[in-house]
Amino acid sequence: MKRAIFTFFAAAAALTGFSASPAIAQTTNLESAFDRTFGTQVRAPQSFQAVYDTALERRIAQLADGSDGRIGVAAIDLSTGEEVMVLADQRFPMASTSKIAVAAAFLEGVEQGRWSLSSEFPLLIPMRSKKYSSPTAPVRRGNYMAARDLIEIMITRSSNSATDALLDVVGGPRAVNNWAWRNGFRNFSIDRDIATLVRDDGEYDPASYIDLRDSATPRDIVRMLAALNNGRVLSAGSRQVILSSMSRTRTGTRRIPALMPAEAQVLHKTGSLNNTSSDVGIIRGPNGRSIAVAIYVTGQGAKLNRERKIASIARALYDGMIANRGRNYAGATYSGG
């Protein structure tokens, strides 16, 4: 594997005329040349290591070491626009973090008068079927619920049946992609409903293979969160529906919230699929500073290890960008939760 990585590196370097040691190989031109030549699917997990400008970025890169799988991190200071990016332009499985965009697409329709938060729609409950046996997994209609309640359980409890209900209402994955792309989030794609995504999960190992379906870059997800927070997309009322639900999320207590100090407020949405765990959201400090974060972790041997990575990275971002701005994060002890 090391020899293969070196061969890929050498070939890409030759294409760009770039001469550097593997330790500083992840320049934009070099990575792009590699991907154009070999495709993102063949790139070994984080075989390109970036040159980072700040102590905080270097600390995050250390915590996001991808030797056991790919890890992507993006964070934006919501006041200054300062960014911290580690493998932030590579695509990762969104899993249930895509539900934020589903909610946004639906709420845009509310603003346009196509339906209301009190409109009722049926849950779409998956039925048993064999993997890959059909392009779309079969579902049946369940109880009808008001849209505001569907959004609530979709975000707070990550209900797949509620998500597919709203996804069906807005016009399917294409409609959500249209909302995302119109708002500038081009490295984002929903390709299947949740019932099909879950049924067919495990086709590829996301730690070593980049499946562009149902994926996004951490950079685009964190930009989406920043746009929701800062008012660039949707009305104030619509944004409040999403952010308020994110503040009540019950899943992922071992992820972003796990190492946060008591005075921090976390609004987040988790995602989990085969060999991948993620958490994205907004962290607010008592000093008025807020950051949007997106953390996608693959591999690492076990779900608990992935969650520990997320918790440690999130705390480092909080300390570096909110609590002790400009100082390097020394570390925190993971205690779960």
Protein backbone atom coordinates (compact mmCIF):
# COMPACT_ATOMS: atom_id res chain seq x y z
CA MET A 1 0.00 0.00 0.00
CA LYS A 2 2.81 2.46 0.91
CA ARG A 3 4.52 1.74 -2.42
CA ALA A 4 1.23 2.31 -4.27
CA ILE A 5 0.67 5.60 -2.46
CA PHE A 6 4.18 6.74 -3.33
CA THR A 7 3.63 5.80 -6.98
CA PHE A 8 0.40 7.79 -7.11
CA PHE A 9 2.11 10.73 -5.42
CA ALA A 10 5.01 10.68 -7.84
CA ALA A 11 2.72 10.51 -10.86
CA ALA A 12 0.59 13.39 -9.68
CA ALA A 13 3.66 15.46 -8.83
CA ALA A 14 4.99 14.89 -12.31
CA LEU A 15 1.74 16.09 -13.80
CA THR A 16 1.85 19.36 -11.91
CA GLY A 17 5.57 19.94 -11.89
CA PHE A 18 5.33 20.17 -8.10
CA SER A 19 8.32 18.97 -6.13
CA ALA A 20 7.87 18.33 -2.43
CA SER A 21 8.12 15.63 0.17
CA PRO A 22 4.97 13.55 0.89
CA ALA A 23 4.61 15.45 4.17
CA ILE A 24 3.54 18.57 2.29
CA ALA A 25 1.82 16.87 -0.62
CA GLN A 26 -1.73 18.16 -0.22
CA THR A 27 -1.69 21.32 -2.26
CA THR A 28 -4.82 22.12 -4.21
CA ASN A 29 -3.15 21.63 -7.60
CA LEU A 30 -1.53 18.35 -6.66
CA GLU A 31 -4.66 16.84 -5.14
CA SER A 32 -6.73 17.94 -8.15
CA ALA A 33 -4.23 16.45 -10.57
CA PHE A 34 -4.24 13.18 -8.66
CA ASP A 35 -8.03 12.99 -8.70
CA ARG A 36 -8.26 13.84 -12.41
CA THR A 37 -5.79 11.10 -13.22
CA PHE A 38 -6.79 8.30 -10.89
CA GLY A 39 -10.21 9.29 -9.54
CA THR A 40 -11.06 10.01 -5.92
CA GLN A 41 -12.05 6.39 -5.35
CA VAL A 42 -8.49 5.09 -5.51
CA ARG A 43 -6.92 7.62 -3.20
CA ALA A 44 -5.71 6.01 0.02
CA PRO A 45 -7.25 7.49 3.18
CA GLN A 46 -5.66 10.88 3.74
CA SER A 47 -2.54 9.88 1.85
CA PHE A 48 -2.12 13.58 1.12
CA GLN A 49 -1.11 15.61 4.17
CA ALA A 50 -1.73 19.34 4.08
CA VAL A 51 0.43 22.25 5.09
CA TYR A 52 -1.54 24.06 7.80
CA ASP A 53 -1.08 27.74 8.57
CA THR A 54 -2.15 27.87 12.21
CA ALA A 55 -1.46 25.95 15.40
CA LEU A 56 -5.17 25.22 15.70
CA GLU A 57 -5.37 23.71 12.21
CA ARG A 58 -2.30 21.62 12.94
CA ARG A 59 -3.91 20.39 16.17
CA ILE A 60 -7.14 19.51 14.38
CA ALA A 61 -5.14 17.68 11.69
CA GLN A 62 -3.43 15.64 14.40
CA LEU A 63 -6.76 14.72 15.98
CA ALA A 64 -8.20 13.95 12.54
CA ASP A 65 -5.39 11.56 11.66
CA GLY A 66 -6.82 9.31 8.99
CA SER A 67 -4.49 6.34 9.28
CA ASP A 68 -7.48 4.15 10.21
CA GLY A 69 -9.96 5.80 7.84
CA ARG A 70 -10.81 9.15 6.28
CA ILE A 71 -11.74 12.07 8.57
CA GLY A 72 -13.02 15.40 7.27
CA VAL A 73 -13.43 18.54 9.37
CA ALA A 74 -14.73 22.01 8.59
CA ALA A 75 -15.41 24.89 10.98
CA ILE A 76 -16.34 28.54 10.46
CA ASP A 77 -16.36 31.38 12.99
CA LEU A 78 -19.84 32.82 12.47
CA SER A 79 -18.69 36.34 13.36
CA THR A 80 -15.37 36.68 11.57
CA GLY A 81 -15.57 34.04 8.85
CA GLU A 82 -12.33 32.43 10.03
CA GLU A 83 -12.11 28.85 8.79
CA VAL A 84 -10.45 25.63 9.91
CA MET A 85 -10.42 22.95 7.22
CA VAL A 86 -8.96 19.44 7.24
CA LEU A 87 -9.77 17.23 4.23
CA ALA A 88 -12.80 19.49 3.89
CA ASP A 89 -13.10 19.25 0.10
CA GLN A 90 -13.35 15.47 -0.10
CA ARG A 91 -16.80 13.90 -0.28
CA PHE A 92 -18.14 11.96 2.72
CA PRO A 93 -21.37 10.01 3.25
CA MET A 94 -23.88 12.46 4.69
CA ALA A 95 -26.08 9.79 6.27
CA SER A 96 -28.69 11.60 8.38
CA THR A 97 -26.89 14.96 8.36
CA SER A 98 -28.64 15.47 5.00
CA LYS A 99 -31.91 15.88 6.91
CA ILE A 100 -31.07 19.53 7.56
CA ALA A 101 -31.30 20.17 3.82
CA VAL A 102 -34.54 18.18 3.56
CA ALA A 103 -36.06 20.41 6.24
CA ALA A 104 -34.78 23.52 4.47
CA ALA A 105 -36.27 22.50 1.12
CA PHE A 106 -39.63 21.84 2.77
CA LEU A 107 -39.60 25.15 4.64
CA GLU A 108 -38.85 27.03 1.43
CA GLY A 109 -42.08 25.51 0.11
CA VAL A 110 -43.89 26.76 3.22
CA GLU A 111 -42.61 30.26 2.51
CA GLN A 112 -43.89 29.96 -1.06
CA GLY A 113 -47.35 28.95 0.16
CA ARG A 114 -47.22 25.41 -1.23
CA TRP A 115 -48.04 23.91 2.19
CA SER A 116 -47.89 24.89 5.86
CA LEU A 117 -46.36 23.64 9.07
CA SER A 118 -49.80 22.40 10.09
CA SER A 119 -50.25 20.40 6.87
CA GLU A 120 -50.42 16.69 7.64
CA PHE A 121 -48.53 13.97 5.78
CA PRO A 122 -48.14 10.21 6.39
CA LEU A 123 -45.00 8.64 7.74
CA LEU A 124 -43.38 6.42 5.10
CA ILE A 125 -42.38 3.21 6.84
CA PRO A 126 -39.90 0.83 5.13
CA MET A 127 -41.03 -2.68 4.26
CA ARG A 128 -38.80 -5.72 4.19
CA SER A 129 -36.91 -6.24 0.94
CA LYS A 130 -33.58 -7.69 -0.12
CA LYS A 131 -30.60 -5.39 -0.63
CA TYR A 132 -30.35 -3.98 -4.15
CA SER A 133 -33.54 -5.85 -5.16
CA SER A 134 -35.16 -2.68 -6.50
CA PRO A 135 -34.08 0.87 -7.37
CA THR A 136 -36.24 2.18 -4.53
CA ALA A 137 -37.01 0.31 -1.32
CA PRO A 138 -40.73 -0.32 -0.76
CA VAL A 139 -42.49 1.71 1.94
CA ARG A 140 -45.99 1.84 3.37
CA ARG A 141 -47.98 4.76 4.70
CA GLY A 142 -48.17 5.15 8.45
CA ASN A 143 -49.85 7.66 10.73
CA TYR A 144 -50.38 11.22 9.51
CA MET A 145 -48.47 13.92 11.37
CA ALA A 146 -48.27 17.70 11.10
CA ALA A 147 -45.24 18.91 9.18
CA ARG A 148 -43.84 20.74 12.21
CA ASP A 149 -43.87 17.43 14.12
CA LEU A 150 -42.28 15.56 11.23
CA ILE A 151 -39.44 18.09 11.20
CA GLU A 152 -39.06 17.80 14.96
CA ILE A 153 -38.66 14.02 15.05
CA MET A 154 -36.61 14.02 11.84
CA ILE A 155 -34.02 16.27 13.49
CA THR A 156 -34.22 15.42 17.20
CA ARG A 157 -34.64 11.65 16.87
CA SER A 158 -33.37 11.21 13.31
CA SER A 159 -36.63 9.57 12.21
CA ASN A 160 -36.16 8.04 8.77
CA SER A 161 -39.90 7.61 8.22
CA ALA A 162 -40.49 11.30 8.88
CA THR A 163 -37.64 12.24 6.55
CA ASP A 164 -39.00 10.16 3.70
CA ALA A 165 -42.43 11.68 4.28
CA LEU A 166 -41.08 15.21 3.77
CA LEU A 167 -38.75 14.11 0.99
CA ASP A 168 -41.77 12.75 -0.86
CA VAL A 169 -43.70 15.99 -0.33
CA VAL A 170 -40.99 18.27 -1.74
CA GLY A 171 -40.49 16.13 -4.85
CA GLY A 172 -37.72 13.71 -3.89
CA PRO A 173 -33.93 14.00 -3.84
CA ARG A 174 -33.84 16.13 -6.98
CA ALA A 175 -35.84 18.88 -5.29
CA VAL A 176 -33.53 18.96 -2.28
CA ASN A 177 -30.49 19.05 -4.54
CA ASN A 178 -32.08 21.92 -6.43
CA TRP A 179 -32.47 23.88 -3.20
CA ALA A 180 -28.85 23.18 -2.22
CA TRP A 181 -27.35 23.95 -5.61
CA ARG A 182 -29.36 27.17 -6.07
CA ASN A 183 -27.92 28.37 -2.78
CA GLY A 184 -24.35 27.62 -3.79
CA PHE A 185 -23.78 24.21 -2.18
CA ARG A 186 -22.68 22.36 -5.27
CA ASN A 187 -20.66 19.62 -3.57
CA PHE A 188 -23.84 18.11 -2.15
CA SER A 189 -26.03 15.35 -3.52
CA ILE A 190 -28.96 13.31 -2.22
CA ASP A 191 -29.53 10.38 -4.58
CA ARG A 192 -31.80 7.99 -2.65
CA ASP A 193 -34.57 8.19 -0.11
CA ILE A 194 -33.61 7.09 3.39
CA ALA A 195 -35.38 3.73 3.18
CA THR A 196 -33.28 2.79 0.14
CA LEU A 197 -30.09 4.28 1.56
CA VAL A 198 -30.40 2.25 4.76
CA ARG A 199 -31.48 -0.95 3.03
CA ASP A 200 -28.51 -0.87 0.66
CA ASP A 201 -25.98 0.38 3.21
CA GLY A 202 -22.63 -1.41 3.19
CA GLU A 203 -22.10 -1.65 -0.56
CA TYR A 204 -18.78 0.20 -0.19
CA ASP A 205 -16.44 0.93 2.69
CA PRO A 206 -16.39 4.73 3.10
CA ALA A 207 -13.04 4.57 4.89
CA SER A 208 -11.30 3.76 1.61
CA TYR A 209 -13.85 4.33 -1.15
CA ILE A 210 -15.55 7.60 -2.08
CA ASP A 211 -19.11 6.98 -3.22
CA LEU A 212 -20.42 10.27 -4.57
CA ARG A 213 -24.02 9.23 -3.98
CA ASP A 214 -25.66 10.78 -0.94
CA SER A 215 -22.48 12.65 -0.12
CA ALA A 216 -21.19 16.15 0.49
CA THR A 217 -17.98 17.91 1.42
CA PRO A 218 -17.56 19.09 5.02
CA ARG A 219 -16.90 22.56 3.60
CA ASP A 220 -20.30 22.77 1.90
CA ILE A 221 -22.15 21.40 4.93
CA VAL A 222 -20.54 23.94 7.26
CA ARG A 223 -21.29 26.72 4.77
CA MET A 224 -24.92 25.58 4.75
CA LEU A 225 -25.02 25.79 8.54
CA ALA A 226 -23.46 29.25 8.46
CA ALA A 227 -26.02 30.38 5.88
CA LEU A 228 -28.87 29.14 8.08
CA ASN A 229 -27.42 30.87 11.12
CA ASN A 230 -26.57 34.16 9.43
CA GLY A 231 -29.77 34.58 7.44
CA ARG A 232 -28.49 34.03 3.91
CA VAL A 233 -31.09 31.32 3.25
CA LEU A 234 -34.73 31.02 4.31
CA SER A 235 -36.76 33.42 6.44
CA ALA A 236 -36.05 34.03 10.11
CA GLY A 237 -39.05 31.90 11.07
CA SER A 238 -37.99 28.98 8.90
CA ARG A 239 -34.42 29.09 10.15
CA GLN A 240 -35.68 29.10 13.73
CA VAL A 241 -37.69 25.92 13.10
CA ILE A 242 -34.53 24.06 12.04
CA LEU A 243 -32.15 25.54 14.61
CA SER A 244 -34.61 25.12 17.45
CA SER A 245 -35.05 21.44 16.61
CA MET A 246 -31.27 21.02 16.41
CA SER A 247 -30.99 22.42 19.94
CA ARG A 248 -33.18 19.51 21.16
CA THR A 249 -31.35 16.70 19.36
CA ARG A 250 -31.37 13.50 21.43
CA THR A 251 -29.00 11.43 19.33
CA GLY A 252 -25.20 11.68 19.43
CA THR A 253 -24.58 12.50 23.08
CA ARG A 254 -21.14 10.90 22.69
CA ARG A 255 -20.28 13.15 19.76
CA ILE A 256 -20.09 16.97 19.64
CA PRO A 257 -21.73 17.51 23.07
CA ALA A 258 -19.65 14.91 24.93
CA LEU A 259 -16.68 17.09 25.93
CA MET A 260 -18.35 20.48 25.79
CA PRO A 261 -18.28 22.62 28.96
CA ALA A 262 -21.62 23.19 30.67
CA GLU A 263 -21.77 26.80 29.50
CA ALA A 264 -21.64 25.85 25.80
CA GLN A 265 -24.82 25.40 23.77
CA VAL A 266 -24.84 22.77 21.01
CA LEU A 267 -27.30 22.66 18.11
CA HIS A 268 -26.52 19.60 16.02
CA LYS A 269 -27.57 16.78 13.72
CA THR A 270 -25.94 13.37 13.68
CA GLY A 271 -25.44 10.80 10.94
CA SER A 272 -24.53 7.09 11.03
CA LEU A 273 -24.10 4.40 8.40
CA ASN A 274 -21.78 1.46 7.80
CA ASN A 275 -18.30 2.33 9.12
CA THR A 276 -19.08 6.05 9.27
CA SER A 277 -20.26 8.45 11.97
CA SER A 278 -20.79 12.18 11.72
CA ASP A 279 -22.07 15.20 13.58
CA VAL A 280 -22.65 18.70 12.27
CA GLY A 281 -24.00 21.79 13.95
CA ILE A 282 -23.46 25.10 15.69
CA ILE A 283 -21.63 25.59 18.99
CA ARG A 284 -22.34 28.77 20.94
CA GLY A 285 -20.12 30.01 23.74
CA PRO A 286 -21.02 32.19 26.72
CA ASN A 287 -18.88 35.01 25.33
CA GLY A 288 -21.15 35.52 22.32
CA ARG A 289 -18.89 33.68 19.88
CA SER A 290 -20.35 30.88 17.76
CA ILE A 291 -18.90 28.41 15.28
CA ALA A 292 -20.43 26.10 12.71
CA VAL A 293 -18.78 22.69 12.56
CA ALA A 294 -19.00 19.60 10.36
CA ILE A 295 -17.12 16.45 11.37
CA TYR A 296 -17.22 13.28 9.26
CA VAL A 297 -15.37 10.20 10.48
CA THR A 298 -14.95 6.85 8.74
CA GLY A 299 -13.18 3.72 9.92
CA GLN A 300 -11.31 3.94 13.25
CA GLY A 301 -12.23 0.36 14.11
CA ALA A 302 -15.50 0.86 15.98
CA LYS A 303 -18.37 3.29 16.37
CA LEU A 304 -17.21 4.34 19.84
CA ASN A 305 -13.78 5.23 18.46
CA ARG A 306 -15.39 7.35 15.75
CA GLU A 307 -17.49 9.12 18.37
CA ARG A 308 -14.40 9.78 20.48
CA LYS A 309 -12.76 11.38 17.47
CA ILE A 310 -15.77 13.62 16.90
CA ALA A 311 -15.91 14.64 20.57
CA SER A 312 -12.19 15.45 20.76
CA ILE A 313 -12.17 17.41 17.50
CA ALA A 314 -15.26 19.37 18.52
CA ARG A 315 -13.76 20.32 21.87
CA ALA A 316 -10.50 21.40 20.23
CA LEU A 317 -12.46 23.63 17.87
CA TYR A 318 -14.43 25.09 20.78
CA ASP A 319 -11.29 25.85 22.77
CA GLY A 320 -9.37 27.21 19.79
CA MET A 321 -12.13 29.30 18.20
CA ILE A 322 -14.32 30.28 21.17
CA ALA A 323 -12.91 29.77 24.66
CA ASN A 324 -9.20 30.41 24.13
CA ARG A 325 -9.14 32.06 20.77
CA GLY A 326 -5.74 31.81 19.12
CA ARG A 327 -4.26 29.35 21.61
CA ASN A 328 -3.43 25.74 20.88
CA TYR A 329 -5.72 23.13 22.40
CA ALA A 330 -3.84 20.89 24.83
CA GLY A 331 -6.42 18.09 25.00
CA ALA A 332 -9.42 16.85 26.91
CA THR A 333 -10.28 13.53 28.51
CA TYR A 334 -13.11 11.68 26.76
CA SER A 335 -15.74 10.46 29.19
CA GLY A 336 -18.56 9.50 26.82
CA GLY A 337 -22.13 10.51 27.56
